[in-house]
mmCIF file of all heavy atoms, coordinates in Angstrom:
data_MODEL
# 
_entry.id   MODEL 
# 
loop_
_atom_site.group_PDB 
_atom_site.id 
_atom_site.type_symbol 
_atom_site.label_atom_id 
_atom_site.label_alt_id 
_atom_site.label_comp_id 
_atom_site.label_asym_id 
_atom_site.label_entity_id 
_atom_site.label_seq_id 
_atom_site.pdbx_PDB_ins_code 
_atom_site.Cartn_x 
_atom_site.Cartn_y 
_atom_site.Cartn_z 
_atom_site.occupancy 
_atom_site.B_iso_or_equiv 
_atom_site.pdbx_formal_charge 
_atom_site.auth_seq_id 
_atom_site.auth_comp_id 
_atom_site.auth_asym_id 
_atom_site.auth_atom_id 
_atom_site.pdbx_PDB_model_num 
ATOM 1   N N   . ASN A 1 1  ? 49.701 70.424  93.076  1.00 0.00 ? 1  ASN A N   1 
ATOM 2   C CA  . ASN A 1 1  ? 50.732 70.800  92.014  1.00 0.00 ? 1  ASN A CA  1 
ATOM 3   C C   . ASN A 1 1  ? 50.033 71.199  90.577  1.00 0.00 ? 1  ASN A C   1 
ATOM 4   O O   . ASN A 1 1  ? 50.517 72.000  89.921  1.00 0.00 ? 1  ASN A O   1 
ATOM 5   C CB  . ASN A 1 1  ? 51.633 69.594  91.715  1.00 0.00 ? 1  ASN A CB  1 
ATOM 6   C CG  . ASN A 1 1  ? 52.692 69.503  92.761  1.00 0.00 ? 1  ASN A CG  1 
ATOM 7   O OD1 . ASN A 1 1  ? 53.721 70.129  92.726  1.00 0.00 ? 1  ASN A OD1 1 
ATOM 8   N ND2 . ASN A 1 1  ? 52.524 68.576  93.687  1.00 0.00 ? 1  ASN A ND2 1 
ATOM 9   N N   . LEU A 1 2  ? 48.884 70.517  90.425  1.00 0.00 ? 2  LEU A N   1 
ATOM 10  C CA  . LEU A 1 2  ? 48.212 70.817  89.098  1.00 0.00 ? 2  LEU A CA  1 
ATOM 11  C C   . LEU A 1 2  ? 46.990 71.804  89.132  1.00 0.00 ? 2  LEU A C   1 
ATOM 12  O O   . LEU A 1 2  ? 46.640 72.220  88.072  1.00 0.00 ? 2  LEU A O   1 
ATOM 13  C CB  . LEU A 1 2  ? 47.796 69.402  88.490  1.00 0.00 ? 2  LEU A CB  1 
ATOM 14  C CG  . LEU A 1 2  ? 48.944 68.533  88.108  1.00 0.00 ? 2  LEU A CG  1 
ATOM 15  C CD1 . LEU A 1 2  ? 48.390 67.315  87.411  1.00 0.00 ? 2  LEU A CD1 1 
ATOM 16  C CD2 . LEU A 1 2  ? 49.857 69.239  87.044  1.00 0.00 ? 2  LEU A CD2 1 
ATOM 17  N N   . ILE A 1 3  ? 46.463 72.015  90.371  1.00 0.00 ? 3  ILE A N   1 
ATOM 18  C CA  . ILE A 1 3  ? 45.352 72.884  90.367  1.00 0.00 ? 3  ILE A CA  1 
ATOM 19  C C   . ILE A 1 3  ? 45.575 74.078  91.305  1.00 0.00 ? 3  ILE A C   1 
ATOM 20  O O   . ILE A 1 3  ? 45.421 75.230  90.881  1.00 0.00 ? 3  ILE A O   1 
ATOM 21  C CB  . ILE A 1 3  ? 44.115 72.106  90.826  1.00 0.00 ? 3  ILE A CB  1 
ATOM 22  C CG1 . ILE A 1 3  ? 43.716 71.025  89.836  1.00 0.00 ? 3  ILE A CG1 1 
ATOM 23  C CG2 . ILE A 1 3  ? 42.844 73.039  91.018  1.00 0.00 ? 3  ILE A CG2 1 
ATOM 24  C CD1 . ILE A 1 3  ? 42.617 70.171  90.188  1.00 0.00 ? 3  ILE A CD1 1 
ATOM 25  N N   . ILE A 1 4  ? 45.951 73.804  92.546  1.00 0.00 ? 4  ILE A N   1 
ATOM 26  C CA  . ILE A 1 4  ? 46.062 74.859  93.519  1.00 0.00 ? 4  ILE A CA  1 
ATOM 27  C C   . ILE A 1 4  ? 47.269 75.868  93.228  1.00 0.00 ? 4  ILE A C   1 
ATOM 28  O O   . ILE A 1 4  ? 47.111 77.085  93.260  1.00 0.00 ? 4  ILE A O   1 
ATOM 29  C CB  . ILE A 1 4  ? 46.194 74.251  94.908  1.00 0.00 ? 4  ILE A CB  1 
ATOM 30  C CG1 . ILE A 1 4  ? 44.956 73.551  95.305  1.00 0.00 ? 4  ILE A CG1 1 
ATOM 31  C CG2 . ILE A 1 4  ? 46.441 75.363  95.961  1.00 0.00 ? 4  ILE A CG2 1 
ATOM 32  C CD1 . ILE A 1 4  ? 44.934 72.775  96.627  1.00 0.00 ? 4  ILE A CD1 1 
ATOM 33  N N   . ALA A 1 5  ? 48.445 75.140  92.864  1.00 0.00 ? 5  ALA A N   1 
ATOM 34  C CA  . ALA A 1 5  ? 49.641 76.019  92.671  1.00 0.00 ? 5  ALA A CA  1 
ATOM 35  C C   . ALA A 1 5  ? 49.422 77.068  91.485  1.00 0.00 ? 5  ALA A C   1 
ATOM 36  O O   . ALA A 1 5  ? 49.650 78.294  91.797  1.00 0.00 ? 5  ALA A O   1 
ATOM 37  C CB  . ALA A 1 5  ? 50.810 75.151  92.315  1.00 0.00 ? 5  ALA A CB  1 
ATOM 38  N N   . PRO A 1 6  ? 48.964 76.683  90.343  1.00 0.00 ? 6  PRO A N   1 
ATOM 39  C CA  . PRO A 1 6  ? 48.749 77.681  89.366  1.00 0.00 ? 6  PRO A CA  1 
ATOM 40  C C   . PRO A 1 6  ? 47.732 78.666  89.672  1.00 0.00 ? 6  PRO A C   1 
ATOM 41  O O   . PRO A 1 6  ? 47.726 79.895  89.374  1.00 0.00 ? 6  PRO A O   1 
ATOM 42  C CB  . PRO A 1 6  ? 48.418 76.912  88.106  1.00 0.00 ? 6  PRO A CB  1 
ATOM 43  C CG  . PRO A 1 6  ? 47.935 75.661  88.604  1.00 0.00 ? 6  PRO A CG  1 
ATOM 44  C CD  . PRO A 1 6  ? 48.683 75.320  89.834  1.00 0.00 ? 6  PRO A CD  1 
ATOM 45  N N   . PHE A 1 7  ? 46.594 78.218  90.407  1.00 0.00 ? 7  PHE A N   1 
ATOM 46  C CA  . PHE A 1 7  ? 45.600 79.204  90.755  1.00 0.00 ? 7  PHE A CA  1 
ATOM 47  C C   . PHE A 1 7  ? 46.066 80.227  91.756  1.00 0.00 ? 7  PHE A C   1 
ATOM 48  O O   . PHE A 1 7  ? 45.816 81.479  91.564  1.00 0.00 ? 7  PHE A O   1 
ATOM 49  C CB  . PHE A 1 7  ? 44.464 78.318  91.497  1.00 0.00 ? 7  PHE A CB  1 
ATOM 50  C CG  . PHE A 1 7  ? 43.359 79.182  92.110  1.00 0.00 ? 7  PHE A CG  1 
ATOM 51  C CD1 . PHE A 1 7  ? 42.336 79.699  91.210  1.00 0.00 ? 7  PHE A CD1 1 
ATOM 52  C CD2 . PHE A 1 7  ? 43.269 79.438  93.417  1.00 0.00 ? 7  PHE A CD2 1 
ATOM 53  C CE1 . PHE A 1 7  ? 41.349 80.476  91.832  1.00 0.00 ? 7  PHE A CE1 1 
ATOM 54  C CE2 . PHE A 1 7  ? 42.272 80.232  93.938  1.00 0.00 ? 7  PHE A CE2 1 
ATOM 55  C CZ  . PHE A 1 7  ? 41.267 80.754  93.093  1.00 0.00 ? 7  PHE A CZ  1 
ATOM 56  N N   . THR A 1 8  ? 46.732 79.816  92.681  1.00 0.00 ? 8  THR A N   1 
ATOM 57  C CA  . THR A 1 8  ? 47.338 80.805  93.789  1.00 0.00 ? 8  THR A CA  1 
ATOM 58  C C   . THR A 1 8  ? 48.448 81.646  93.185  1.00 0.00 ? 8  THR A C   1 
ATOM 59  O O   . THR A 1 8  ? 48.494 82.879  93.550  1.00 0.00 ? 8  THR A O   1 
ATOM 60  C CB  . THR A 1 8  ? 47.977 80.047  94.992  1.00 0.00 ? 8  THR A CB  1 
ATOM 61  O OG1 . THR A 1 8  ? 48.889 79.073  94.572  1.00 0.00 ? 8  THR A OG1 1 
ATOM 62  C CG2 . THR A 1 8  ? 46.740 79.257  95.808  1.00 0.00 ? 8  THR A CG2 1 
ATOM 63  N N   . HIS A 1 9  ? 49.134 81.142  92.193  1.00 0.00 ? 9  HIS A N   1 
ATOM 64  C CA  . HIS A 1 9  ? 50.140 81.863  91.512  1.00 0.00 ? 9  HIS A CA  1 
ATOM 65  C C   . HIS A 1 9  ? 49.549 83.210  90.870  1.00 0.00 ? 9  HIS A C   1 
ATOM 66  O O   . HIS A 1 9  ? 50.132 84.298  90.909  1.00 0.00 ? 9  HIS A O   1 
ATOM 67  C CB  . HIS A 1 9  ? 50.928 81.070  90.553  1.00 0.00 ? 9  HIS A CB  1 
ATOM 68  C CG  . HIS A 1 9  ? 52.206 81.651  89.975  1.00 0.00 ? 9  HIS A CG  1 
ATOM 69  N ND1 . HIS A 1 9  ? 52.798 81.190  88.776  1.00 0.00 ? 9  HIS A ND1 1 
ATOM 70  C CD2 . HIS A 1 9  ? 52.956 82.658  90.460  1.00 0.00 ? 9  HIS A CD2 1 
ATOM 71  C CE1 . HIS A 1 9  ? 53.878 81.922  88.663  1.00 0.00 ? 9  HIS A CE1 1 
ATOM 72  N NE2 . HIS A 1 9  ? 54.070 82.798  89.659  1.00 0.00 ? 9  HIS A NE2 1 
ATOM 73  N N   . ALA A 1 10 ? 48.445 82.952  90.229  1.00 0.00 ? 10 ALA A N   1 
ATOM 74  C CA  . ALA A 1 10 ? 47.726 84.066  89.533  1.00 0.00 ? 10 ALA A CA  1 
ATOM 75  C C   . ALA A 1 10 ? 47.024 84.960  90.444  1.00 0.00 ? 10 ALA A C   1 
ATOM 76  O O   . ALA A 1 10 ? 47.007 86.197  90.453  1.00 0.00 ? 10 ALA A O   1 
ATOM 77  C CB  . ALA A 1 10 ? 46.808 83.609  88.411  1.00 0.00 ? 10 ALA A CB  1 
ATOM 78  N N   . VAL A 1 11 ? 46.248 84.357  91.421  1.00 0.00 ? 11 VAL A N   1 
ATOM 79  C CA  . VAL A 1 11 ? 45.350 85.033  92.256  1.00 0.00 ? 11 VAL A CA  1 
ATOM 80  C C   . VAL A 1 11 ? 46.059 85.899  93.336  1.00 0.00 ? 11 VAL A C   1 
ATOM 81  O O   . VAL A 1 11 ? 45.581 86.917  93.677  1.00 0.00 ? 11 VAL A O   1 
ATOM 82  C CB  . VAL A 1 11 ? 44.334 84.071  92.939  1.00 0.00 ? 11 VAL A CB  1 
ATOM 83  C CG1 . VAL A 1 11 ? 43.523 84.743  94.040  1.00 0.00 ? 11 VAL A CG1 1 
ATOM 84  C CG2 . VAL A 1 11 ? 43.337 83.417  91.937  1.00 0.00 ? 11 VAL A CG2 1 
ATOM 85  N N   . ARG A 1 12 ? 47.122 85.433  93.766  1.00 0.00 ? 12 ARG A N   1 
ATOM 86  C CA  . ARG A 1 12 ? 47.946 86.246  94.721  1.00 0.00 ? 12 ARG A CA  1 
ATOM 87  C C   . ARG A 1 12 ? 48.236 87.623  94.113  1.00 0.00 ? 12 ARG A C   1 
ATOM 88  O O   . ARG A 1 12 ? 48.109 88.659  94.713  1.00 0.00 ? 12 ARG A O   1 
ATOM 89  C CB  . ARG A 1 12 ? 49.204 85.500  95.215  1.00 0.00 ? 12 ARG A CB  1 
ATOM 90  C CG  . ARG A 1 12 ? 49.971 86.296  96.213  1.00 0.00 ? 12 ARG A CG  1 
ATOM 91  C CD  . ARG A 1 12 ? 51.383 85.536  96.494  1.00 0.00 ? 12 ARG A CD  1 
ATOM 92  N NE  . ARG A 1 12 ? 51.135 84.300  97.146  1.00 0.00 ? 12 ARG A NE  1 
ATOM 93  C CZ  . ARG A 1 12 ? 51.295 83.094  96.550  1.00 0.00 ? 12 ARG A CZ  1 
ATOM 94  N NH1 . ARG A 1 12 ? 51.694 82.932  95.240  1.00 0.00 ? 12 ARG A NH1 1 
ATOM 95  N NH2 . ARG A 1 12 ? 51.106 81.969  97.266  1.00 0.00 ? 12 ARG A NH2 1 
ATOM 96  N N   . LEU A 1 13 ? 48.771 87.615  92.958  1.00 0.00 ? 13 LEU A N   1 
ATOM 97  C CA  . LEU A 1 13 ? 49.073 88.892  92.285  1.00 0.00 ? 13 LEU A CA  1 
ATOM 98  C C   . LEU A 1 13 ? 47.798 89.710  92.073  1.00 0.00 ? 13 LEU A C   1 
ATOM 99  O O   . LEU A 1 13 ? 47.771 90.922  92.384  1.00 0.00 ? 13 LEU A O   1 
ATOM 100 C CB  . LEU A 1 13 ? 49.856 88.558  90.947  1.00 0.00 ? 13 LEU A CB  1 
ATOM 101 C CG  . LEU A 1 13 ? 50.125 89.777  90.071  1.00 0.00 ? 13 LEU A CG  1 
ATOM 102 C CD1 . LEU A 1 13 ? 51.101 90.801  90.817  1.00 0.00 ? 13 LEU A CD1 1 
ATOM 103 C CD2 . LEU A 1 13 ? 50.817 89.258  88.748  1.00 0.00 ? 13 LEU A CD2 1 
ATOM 104 N N   . PHE A 1 14 ? 46.808 89.104  91.490  1.00 0.00 ? 14 PHE A N   1 
ATOM 105 C CA  . PHE A 1 14 ? 45.578 89.765  91.133  1.00 0.00 ? 14 PHE A CA  1 
ATOM 106 C C   . PHE A 1 14 ? 44.916 90.441  92.373  1.00 0.00 ? 14 PHE A C   1 
ATOM 107 O O   . PHE A 1 14 ? 44.589 91.635  92.425  1.00 0.00 ? 14 PHE A O   1 
ATOM 108 C CB  . PHE A 1 14 ? 44.585 88.888  90.474  1.00 0.00 ? 14 PHE A CB  1 
ATOM 109 C CG  . PHE A 1 14 ? 43.114 89.215  90.651  1.00 0.00 ? 14 PHE A CG  1 
ATOM 110 C CD1 . PHE A 1 14 ? 42.643 90.311  89.931  1.00 0.00 ? 14 PHE A CD1 1 
ATOM 111 C CD2 . PHE A 1 14 ? 42.305 88.568  91.438  1.00 0.00 ? 14 PHE A CD2 1 
ATOM 112 C CE1 . PHE A 1 14 ? 41.248 90.762  90.017  1.00 0.00 ? 14 PHE A CE1 1 
ATOM 113 C CE2 . PHE A 1 14 ? 40.979 88.999  91.700  1.00 0.00 ? 14 PHE A CE2 1 
ATOM 114 C CZ  . PHE A 1 14 ? 40.471 90.063  90.867  1.00 0.00 ? 14 PHE A CZ  1 
ATOM 115 N N   . ALA A 1 15 ? 44.843 89.636  93.374  1.00 0.00 ? 15 ALA A N   1 
ATOM 116 C CA  . ALA A 1 15 ? 44.073 90.121  94.684  1.00 0.00 ? 15 ALA A CA  1 
ATOM 117 C C   . ALA A 1 15 ? 44.761 91.273  95.273  1.00 0.00 ? 15 ALA A C   1 
ATOM 118 O O   . ALA A 1 15 ? 44.182 92.236  95.717  1.00 0.00 ? 15 ALA A O   1 
ATOM 119 C CB  . ALA A 1 15 ? 43.949 88.898  95.657  1.00 0.00 ? 15 ALA A CB  1 
ATOM 120 N N   . ASN A 1 16 ? 46.206 91.233  95.330  1.00 0.00 ? 16 ASN A N   1 
ATOM 121 C CA  . ASN A 1 16 ? 46.891 92.324  95.950  1.00 0.00 ? 16 ASN A CA  1 
ATOM 122 C C   . ASN A 1 16 ? 46.764 93.635  95.130  1.00 0.00 ? 16 ASN A C   1 
ATOM 123 O O   . ASN A 1 16 ? 46.594 94.739  95.711  1.00 0.00 ? 16 ASN A O   1 
ATOM 124 C CB  . ASN A 1 16 ? 48.293 91.995  96.031  1.00 0.00 ? 16 ASN A CB  1 
ATOM 125 C CG  . ASN A 1 16 ? 48.646 91.155  97.340  1.00 0.00 ? 16 ASN A CG  1 
ATOM 126 O OD1 . ASN A 1 16 ? 48.772 91.741  98.502  1.00 0.00 ? 16 ASN A OD1 1 
ATOM 127 N ND2 . ASN A 1 16 ? 48.648 89.882  97.202  1.00 0.00 ? 16 ASN A ND2 1 
ATOM 128 N N   . MET A 1 17 ? 46.861 93.527  93.868  1.00 0.00 ? 17 MET A N   1 
ATOM 129 C CA  . MET A 1 17 ? 46.642 94.668  92.974  1.00 0.00 ? 17 MET A CA  1 
ATOM 130 C C   . MET A 1 17 ? 45.268 95.281  93.018  1.00 0.00 ? 17 MET A C   1 
ATOM 131 O O   . MET A 1 17 ? 45.023 96.456  93.044  1.00 0.00 ? 17 MET A O   1 
ATOM 132 C CB  . MET A 1 17 ? 47.138 94.415  91.577  1.00 0.00 ? 17 MET A CB  1 
ATOM 133 C CG  . MET A 1 17 ? 48.699 94.156  91.387  1.00 0.00 ? 17 MET A CG  1 
ATOM 134 S SD  . MET A 1 17 ? 49.690 95.386  92.197  1.00 0.00 ? 17 MET A SD  1 
ATOM 135 C CE  . MET A 1 17 ? 50.114 94.702  93.778  1.00 0.00 ? 17 MET A CE  1 
ATOM 136 N N   . PHE A 1 18 ? 44.241 94.413  93.047  1.00 0.00 ? 18 PHE A N   1 
ATOM 137 C CA  . PHE A 1 18 ? 42.868 94.859  93.117  1.00 0.00 ? 18 PHE A CA  1 
ATOM 138 C C   . PHE A 1 18 ? 42.576 95.498  94.310  1.00 0.00 ? 18 PHE A C   1 
ATOM 139 O O   . PHE A 1 18 ? 42.013 96.640  94.334  1.00 0.00 ? 18 PHE A O   1 
ATOM 140 C CB  . PHE A 1 18 ? 41.941 93.484  92.919  1.00 0.00 ? 18 PHE A CB  1 
ATOM 141 C CG  . PHE A 1 18 ? 40.538 93.705  92.905  1.00 0.00 ? 18 PHE A CG  1 
ATOM 142 C CD1 . PHE A 1 18 ? 39.939 94.024  91.650  1.00 0.00 ? 18 PHE A CD1 1 
ATOM 143 C CD2 . PHE A 1 18 ? 39.829 93.853  94.090  1.00 0.00 ? 18 PHE A CD2 1 
ATOM 144 C CE1 . PHE A 1 18 ? 38.491 94.225  91.695  1.00 0.00 ? 18 PHE A CE1 1 
ATOM 145 C CE2 . PHE A 1 18 ? 38.357 94.120  94.134  1.00 0.00 ? 18 PHE A CE2 1 
ATOM 146 C CZ  . PHE A 1 18 ? 37.818 94.349  92.867  1.00 0.00 ? 18 PHE A CZ  1 
ATOM 147 N N   . ALA A 1 19 ? 42.901 95.017  95.370  1.00 0.00 ? 19 ALA A N   1 
ATOM 148 C CA  . ALA A 1 19 ? 42.676 95.508  96.747  1.00 0.00 ? 19 ALA A CA  1 
ATOM 149 C C   . ALA A 1 19 ? 43.511 96.875  96.908  1.00 0.00 ? 19 ALA A C   1 
ATOM 150 O O   . ALA A 1 19 ? 42.932 97.867  97.487  1.00 0.00 ? 19 ALA A O   1 
ATOM 151 C CB  . ALA A 1 19 ? 43.119 94.595  97.916  1.00 0.00 ? 19 ALA A CB  1 
ATOM 152 N N   . GLY A 1 20 ? 44.690 96.933  96.463  1.00 0.00 ? 20 GLY A N   1 
ATOM 153 C CA  . GLY A 1 20 ? 45.450 98.171  96.608  1.00 0.00 ? 20 GLY A CA  1 
ATOM 154 C C   . GLY A 1 20 ? 44.918 99.268  95.837  1.00 0.00 ? 20 GLY A C   1 
ATOM 155 O O   . GLY A 1 20 ? 44.795 100.467 96.170  1.00 0.00 ? 20 GLY A O   1 
ATOM 156 N N   . HIS A 1 21 ? 44.391 98.984  94.602  1.00 0.00 ? 21 HIS A N   1 
ATOM 157 C CA  . HIS A 1 21 ? 43.722 99.970  93.703  1.00 0.00 ? 21 HIS A CA  1 
ATOM 158 C C   . HIS A 1 21 ? 42.434 100.561 94.295  1.00 0.00 ? 21 HIS A C   1 
ATOM 159 O O   . HIS A 1 21 ? 42.169 101.705 94.283  1.00 0.00 ? 21 HIS A O   1 
ATOM 160 C CB  . HIS A 1 21 ? 43.514 99.380  92.348  1.00 0.00 ? 21 HIS A CB  1 
ATOM 161 C CG  . HIS A 1 21 ? 43.033 100.411 91.309  1.00 0.00 ? 21 HIS A CG  1 
ATOM 162 N ND1 . HIS A 1 21 ? 43.788 101.531 91.032  1.00 0.00 ? 21 HIS A ND1 1 
ATOM 163 C CD2 . HIS A 1 21 ? 41.907 100.436 90.558  1.00 0.00 ? 21 HIS A CD2 1 
ATOM 164 C CE1 . HIS A 1 21 ? 43.221 102.257 90.143  1.00 0.00 ? 21 HIS A CE1 1 
ATOM 165 N NE2 . HIS A 1 21 ? 42.055 101.635 89.714  1.00 0.00 ? 21 HIS A NE2 1 
ATOM 166 N N   . MET A 1 22 ? 41.660 99.612  94.942  1.00 0.00 ? 22 MET A N   1 
ATOM 167 C CA  . MET A 1 22 ? 40.470 99.981  95.635  1.00 0.00 ? 22 MET A CA  1 
ATOM 168 C C   . MET A 1 22 ? 40.743 100.981 96.837  1.00 0.00 ? 22 MET A C   1 
ATOM 169 O O   . MET A 1 22 ? 40.125 101.946 96.965  1.00 0.00 ? 22 MET A O   1 
ATOM 170 C CB  . MET A 1 22 ? 39.732 98.776  96.093  1.00 0.00 ? 22 MET A CB  1 
ATOM 171 C CG  . MET A 1 22 ? 39.021 98.025  95.059  1.00 0.00 ? 22 MET A CG  1 
ATOM 172 S SD  . MET A 1 22 ? 37.487 98.839  94.472  1.00 0.00 ? 22 MET A SD  1 
ATOM 173 C CE  . MET A 1 22 ? 36.522 98.700  95.947  1.00 0.00 ? 22 MET A CE  1 
ATOM 174 N N   . LEU A 1 23 ? 41.678 100.581 97.601  1.00 0.00 ? 23 LEU A N   1 
ATOM 175 C CA  . LEU A 1 23 ? 42.108 101.443 98.784  1.00 0.00 ? 23 LEU A CA  1 
ATOM 176 C C   . LEU A 1 23 ? 42.542 102.869 98.304  1.00 0.00 ? 23 LEU A C   1 
ATOM 177 O O   . LEU A 1 23 ? 42.111 103.815 98.987  1.00 0.00 ? 23 LEU A O   1 
ATOM 178 C CB  . LEU A 1 23 ? 43.128 100.737 99.587  1.00 0.00 ? 23 LEU A CB  1 
ATOM 179 C CG  . LEU A 1 23 ? 42.667 99.639  100.451 1.00 0.00 ? 23 LEU A CG  1 
ATOM 180 C CD1 . LEU A 1 23 ? 43.841 98.944  101.098 1.00 0.00 ? 23 LEU A CD1 1 
ATOM 181 C CD2 . LEU A 1 23 ? 41.665 100.106 101.554 1.00 0.00 ? 23 LEU A CD2 1 
ATOM 182 N N   . LEU A 1 24 ? 43.384 102.937 97.327  1.00 0.00 ? 24 LEU A N   1 
ATOM 183 C CA  . LEU A 1 24 ? 43.889 104.158 96.897  1.00 0.00 ? 24 LEU A CA  1 
ATOM 184 C C   . LEU A 1 24 ? 42.753 105.107 96.288  1.00 0.00 ? 24 LEU A C   1 
ATOM 185 O O   . LEU A 1 24 ? 42.662 106.309 96.592  1.00 0.00 ? 24 LEU A O   1 
ATOM 186 C CB  . LEU A 1 24 ? 44.946 103.965 95.848  1.00 0.00 ? 24 LEU A CB  1 
ATOM 187 C CG  . LEU A 1 24 ? 46.408 103.591 96.304  1.00 0.00 ? 24 LEU A CG  1 
ATOM 188 C CD1 . LEU A 1 24 ? 47.360 103.305 95.237  1.00 0.00 ? 24 LEU A CD1 1 
ATOM 189 C CD2 . LEU A 1 24 ? 46.940 104.458 97.397  1.00 0.00 ? 24 LEU A CD2 1 
ATOM 190 N N   . ALA A 1 25 ? 41.869 104.342 95.572  1.00 0.00 ? 25 ALA A N   1 
ATOM 191 C CA  . ALA A 1 25 ? 40.741 105.146 94.971  1.00 0.00 ? 25 ALA A CA  1 
ATOM 192 C C   . ALA A 1 25 ? 39.831 105.625 96.086  1.00 0.00 ? 25 ALA A C   1 
ATOM 193 O O   . ALA A 1 25 ? 39.254 106.777 96.052  1.00 0.00 ? 25 ALA A O   1 
ATOM 194 C CB  . ALA A 1 25 ? 40.056 104.208 93.987  1.00 0.00 ? 25 ALA A CB  1 
ATOM 195 N N   . PHE A 1 26 ? 39.612 104.734 97.089  1.00 0.00 ? 26 PHE A N   1 
ATOM 196 C CA  . PHE A 1 26 ? 38.686 105.181 98.131  1.00 0.00 ? 26 PHE A CA  1 
ATOM 197 C C   . PHE A 1 26 ? 39.262 106.468 98.827  1.00 0.00 ? 26 PHE A C   1 
ATOM 198 O O   . PHE A 1 26 ? 38.488 107.431 99.127  1.00 0.00 ? 26 PHE A O   1 
ATOM 199 C CB  . PHE A 1 26 ? 38.528 103.975 99.070  1.00 0.00 ? 26 PHE A CB  1 
ATOM 200 C CG  . PHE A 1 26 ? 37.775 104.311 100.416 1.00 0.00 ? 26 PHE A CG  1 
ATOM 201 C CD1 . PHE A 1 26 ? 36.380 104.578 100.369 1.00 0.00 ? 26 PHE A CD1 1 
ATOM 202 C CD2 . PHE A 1 26 ? 38.509 104.474 101.571 1.00 0.00 ? 26 PHE A CD2 1 
ATOM 203 C CE1 . PHE A 1 26 ? 35.767 105.014 101.535 1.00 0.00 ? 26 PHE A CE1 1 
ATOM 204 C CE2 . PHE A 1 26 ? 37.850 104.791 102.797 1.00 0.00 ? 26 PHE A CE2 1 
ATOM 205 C CZ  . PHE A 1 26 ? 36.468 105.034 102.745 1.00 0.00 ? 26 PHE A CZ  1 
ATOM 206 N N   . PHE A 1 27 ? 40.415 106.353 99.368  1.00 0.00 ? 27 PHE A N   1 
ATOM 207 C CA  . PHE A 1 27 ? 40.977 107.492 100.145 1.00 0.00 ? 27 PHE A CA  1 
ATOM 208 C C   . PHE A 1 27 ? 41.248 108.759 99.326  1.00 0.00 ? 27 PHE A C   1 
ATOM 209 O O   . PHE A 1 27 ? 41.067 109.881 99.897  1.00 0.00 ? 27 PHE A O   1 
ATOM 210 C CB  . PHE A 1 27 ? 42.295 107.029 100.918 1.00 0.00 ? 27 PHE A CB  1 
ATOM 211 C CG  . PHE A 1 27 ? 42.038 106.244 102.098 1.00 0.00 ? 27 PHE A CG  1 
ATOM 212 C CD1 . PHE A 1 27 ? 42.324 104.812 102.077 1.00 0.00 ? 27 PHE A CD1 1 
ATOM 213 C CD2 . PHE A 1 27 ? 41.550 106.761 103.232 1.00 0.00 ? 27 PHE A CD2 1 
ATOM 214 C CE1 . PHE A 1 27 ? 41.996 104.063 103.144 1.00 0.00 ? 27 PHE A CE1 1 
ATOM 215 C CE2 . PHE A 1 27 ? 41.195 106.004 104.349 1.00 0.00 ? 27 PHE A CE2 1 
ATOM 216 C CZ  . PHE A 1 27 ? 41.442 104.640 104.354 1.00 0.00 ? 27 PHE A CZ  1 
ATOM 217 N N   . SER A 1 28 ? 41.576 108.569 98.107  1.00 0.00 ? 28 SER A N   1 
ATOM 218 C CA  . SER A 1 28 ? 41.698 109.831 97.200  1.00 0.00 ? 28 SER A CA  1 
ATOM 219 C C   . SER A 1 28 ? 40.391 110.426 97.038  1.00 0.00 ? 28 SER A C   1 
ATOM 220 O O   . SER A 1 28 ? 40.227 111.598 96.887  1.00 0.00 ? 28 SER A O   1 
ATOM 221 C CB  . SER A 1 28 ? 42.401 109.445 95.938  1.00 0.00 ? 28 SER A CB  1 
ATOM 222 O OG  . SER A 1 28 ? 41.589 108.514 95.168  1.00 0.00 ? 28 SER A OG  1 
ATOM 223 N N   . MET A 1 29 ? 39.383 109.587 96.769  1.00 0.00 ? 29 MET A N   1 
ATOM 224 C CA  . MET A 1 29 ? 38.016 110.108 96.608  1.00 0.00 ? 29 MET A CA  1 
ATOM 225 C C   . MET A 1 29 ? 37.521 110.825 97.948  1.00 0.00 ? 29 MET A C   1 
ATOM 226 O O   . MET A 1 29 ? 36.931 111.853 97.785  1.00 0.00 ? 29 MET A O   1 
ATOM 227 C CB  . MET A 1 29 ? 37.031 108.997 96.273  1.00 0.00 ? 29 MET A CB  1 
ATOM 228 C CG  . MET A 1 29 ? 35.602 109.350 95.975  1.00 0.00 ? 29 MET A CG  1 
ATOM 229 S SD  . MET A 1 29 ? 34.625 109.375 97.601  1.00 0.00 ? 29 MET A SD  1 
ATOM 230 C CE  . MET A 1 29 ? 34.618 107.626 97.845  1.00 0.00 ? 29 MET A CE  1 
ATOM 231 N N   . VAL A 1 30 ? 37.869 110.339 99.081  1.00 0.00 ? 30 VAL A N   1 
ATOM 232 C CA  . VAL A 1 30 ? 37.426 110.919 100.235 1.00 0.00 ? 30 VAL A CA  1 
ATOM 233 C C   . VAL A 1 30 ? 38.111 112.351 100.405 1.00 0.00 ? 30 VAL A C   1 
ATOM 234 O O   . VAL A 1 30 ? 37.440 113.215 100.789 1.00 0.00 ? 30 VAL A O   1 
ATOM 235 C CB  . VAL A 1 30 ? 37.790 109.997 101.563 1.00 0.00 ? 30 VAL A CB  1 
ATOM 236 C CG1 . VAL A 1 30 ? 37.657 110.810 102.818 1.00 0.00 ? 30 VAL A CG1 1 
ATOM 237 C CG2 . VAL A 1 30 ? 36.954 108.834 101.556 1.00 0.00 ? 30 VAL A CG2 1 
# 
């Protein structure tokens, strides 16, 4: 409740947007 929940709340959003931006940049560059 005090450590894992707020960590995953932020990282879930960050990780999905980070990975998506990388993939789009990679294929558009190709």
